[in-house]
Amino acid sequence: MITLTNAGYWTLIGLSAIFGYMLHGIIESIKDGTFFDWGDEDETHMHERK
């Protein structure tokens, strides 16, 4: 088993928070329909969050 120091625990907590924040953004963009709009830069429509 791997033993972690205090710095290791804080690093894991920080990475978990960053990953959770990114995952939240991805899920929100899937919900409002903008996640799968890659490559549509030439279109002029705008998606607005509700």
N, C-alpha and C. Protein backbone atom coordinates (compact mmCIF):
# COMPACT_ATOMS: atom_id res chain seq x y z
N MET A 1 0.84 -1.18 0.00
CA MET A 1 0.00 0.00 0.00
C MET A 1 0.89 1.24 0.00
N ILE A 2 0.39 2.27 -0.68
CA ILE A 2 1.15 3.52 -0.77
C ILE A 2 0.80 4.41 0.41
N THR A 3 1.81 4.93 1.05
CA THR A 3 1.57 5.88 2.14
C THR A 3 1.74 7.30 1.59
N LEU A 4 0.82 8.19 1.97
CA LEU A 4 0.85 9.56 1.48
C LEU A 4 1.23 10.51 2.60
N THR A 5 1.97 11.51 2.22
CA THR A 5 2.29 12.58 3.16
C THR A 5 1.17 13.61 3.14
N ASN A 6 1.26 14.61 3.98
CA ASN A 6 0.26 15.68 3.97
C ASN A 6 0.21 16.38 2.62
N ALA A 7 1.37 16.58 2.01
CA ALA A 7 1.40 17.21 0.69
C ALA A 7 0.70 16.33 -0.34
N GLY A 8 0.85 15.04 -0.21
CA GLY A 8 0.18 14.11 -1.12
C GLY A 8 -1.33 14.18 -0.99
N TYR A 9 -1.81 14.25 0.25
CA TYR A 9 -3.24 14.37 0.47
C TYR A 9 -3.79 15.68 -0.10
N TRP A 10 -3.09 16.78 0.14
CA TRP A 10 -3.55 18.07 -0.38
C TRP A 10 -3.52 18.08 -1.90
N THR A 11 -2.53 17.44 -2.49
CA THR A 11 -2.47 17.35 -3.95
C THR A 11 -3.66 16.58 -4.49
N LEU A 12 -3.99 15.45 -3.87
CA LEU A 12 -5.14 14.67 -4.30
C LEU A 12 -6.45 15.45 -4.13
N ILE A 13 -6.58 16.17 -3.04
CA ILE A 13 -7.78 16.97 -2.82
C ILE A 13 -7.89 18.06 -3.89
N GLY A 14 -6.79 18.71 -4.17
CA GLY A 14 -6.78 19.77 -5.19
C GLY A 14 -7.11 19.23 -6.58
N LEU A 15 -6.49 18.11 -6.94
CA LEU A 15 -6.77 17.51 -8.25
C LEU A 15 -8.22 17.05 -8.35
N SER A 16 -8.75 16.51 -7.27
CA SER A 16 -10.14 16.08 -7.26
C SER A 16 -11.08 17.27 -7.44
N ALA A 17 -10.79 18.37 -6.80
CA ALA A 17 -11.62 19.57 -6.94
C ALA A 17 -11.56 20.10 -8.37
N ILE A 18 -10.38 20.14 -8.96
CA ILE A 18 -10.23 20.61 -10.34
C ILE A 18 -10.97 19.69 -11.30
N PHE A 19 -10.81 18.38 -11.12
CA PHE A 19 -11.49 17.42 -11.99
C PHE A 19 -13.01 17.53 -11.84
N GLY A 20 -13.49 17.71 -10.62
CA GLY A 20 -14.92 17.86 -10.40
C GLY A 20 -15.46 19.11 -11.05
N TYR A 21 -14.70 20.20 -11.01
CA TYR A 21 -15.11 21.44 -11.64
C TYR A 21 -15.19 21.28 -13.16
N MET A 22 -14.20 20.61 -13.74
CA MET A 22 -14.20 20.36 -15.18
C MET A 22 -15.35 19.44 -15.57
N LEU A 23 -15.58 18.39 -14.80
CA LEU A 23 -16.66 17.46 -15.09
C LEU A 23 -18.02 18.15 -15.01
N HIS A 24 -18.17 19.05 -14.05
CA HIS A 24 -19.41 19.81 -13.92
C HIS A 24 -19.67 20.64 -15.18
N GLY A 25 -18.64 21.29 -15.67
CA GLY A 25 -18.77 22.09 -16.89
C GLY A 25 -19.13 21.24 -18.10
N ILE A 26 -18.54 20.07 -18.20
CA ILE A 26 -18.85 19.18 -19.32
C ILE A 26 -20.29 18.71 -19.25
N ILE A 27 -20.74 18.31 -18.07
CA ILE A 27 -22.12 17.84 -17.91
C ILE A 27 -23.11 18.96 -18.19
N GLU A 28 -22.83 20.17 -17.73
CA GLU A 28 -23.72 21.30 -18.00
C GLU A 28 -23.79 21.60 -19.50
N SER A 29 -22.66 21.52 -20.20
CA SER A 29 -22.69 21.80 -21.64
C SER A 29 -23.41 20.70 -22.40
N ILE A 30 -23.35 19.46 -21.93
CA ILE A 30 -24.12 18.39 -22.56
C ILE A 30 -25.61 18.64 -22.34
N LYS A 31 -25.99 19.06 -21.13
CA LYS A 31 -27.40 19.33 -20.83
C LYS A 31 -27.97 20.44 -21.69
N ASP A 32 -27.21 21.52 -21.89
CA ASP A 32 -27.76 22.63 -22.67
C ASP A 32 -27.47 22.51 -24.17
N GLY A 33 -26.85 21.42 -24.58
CA GLY A 33 -26.70 21.12 -26.00
C GLY A 33 -25.53 21.76 -26.69
N THR A 34 -24.59 22.34 -25.97
CA THR A 34 -23.46 22.99 -26.64
C THR A 34 -22.20 22.13 -26.68
N PHE A 35 -22.19 21.00 -26.01
CA PHE A 35 -20.98 20.18 -25.95
C PHE A 35 -20.65 19.57 -27.30
N PHE A 36 -21.67 19.16 -28.05
CA PHE A 36 -21.44 18.47 -29.32
C PHE A 36 -21.44 19.40 -30.52
N ASP A 37 -21.23 20.69 -30.29
CA ASP A 37 -21.20 21.67 -31.37
C ASP A 37 -19.79 21.94 -31.88
N TRP A 38 -18.89 21.02 -31.69
CA TRP A 38 -17.51 21.21 -32.15
C TRP A 38 -17.49 21.30 -33.67
N GLY A 39 -16.71 22.21 -34.18
CA GLY A 39 -16.57 22.36 -35.62
C GLY A 39 -17.67 23.19 -36.25
N ASP A 40 -18.51 23.84 -35.44
CA ASP A 40 -19.59 24.65 -35.98
C ASP A 40 -19.26 26.13 -35.91
N GLU A 41 -18.00 26.48 -36.02
CA GLU A 41 -17.60 27.86 -35.86
C GLU A 41 -18.17 28.75 -36.96
N ASP A 42 -18.47 28.17 -38.15
CA ASP A 42 -18.96 28.97 -39.25
C ASP A 42 -20.46 29.27 -39.11
N GLU A 43 -21.14 28.60 -38.20
CA GLU A 43 -22.55 28.87 -37.99
C GLU A 43 -22.70 30.09 -37.07
N THR A 44 -23.79 30.80 -37.24
CA THR A 44 -23.95 32.04 -36.50
C THR A 44 -24.91 31.92 -35.32
N HIS A 45 -25.42 30.73 -35.05
CA HIS A 45 -26.35 30.61 -33.92
C HIS A 45 -25.59 30.61 -32.60
N MET A 46 -26.26 31.09 -31.59
CA MET A 46 -25.67 31.15 -30.25
C MET A 46 -26.55 30.36 -29.29
N HIS A 47 -25.92 29.57 -28.44
CA HIS A 47 -26.65 28.87 -27.40
C HIS A 47 -26.50 29.66 -26.11
N GLU A 48 -27.61 29.90 -25.47
CA GLU A 48 -27.56 30.63 -24.21
C GLU A 48 -27.98 29.72 -23.09
N ARG A 49 -27.29 29.80 -21.99
CA ARG A 49 -27.66 28.99 -20.81
C ARG A 49 -28.90 29.57 -20.18
N LYS A 50 -29.70 28.69 -19.64
CA LYS A 50 -30.94 29.13 -19.02
C LYS A 50 -30.78 29.29 -17.55
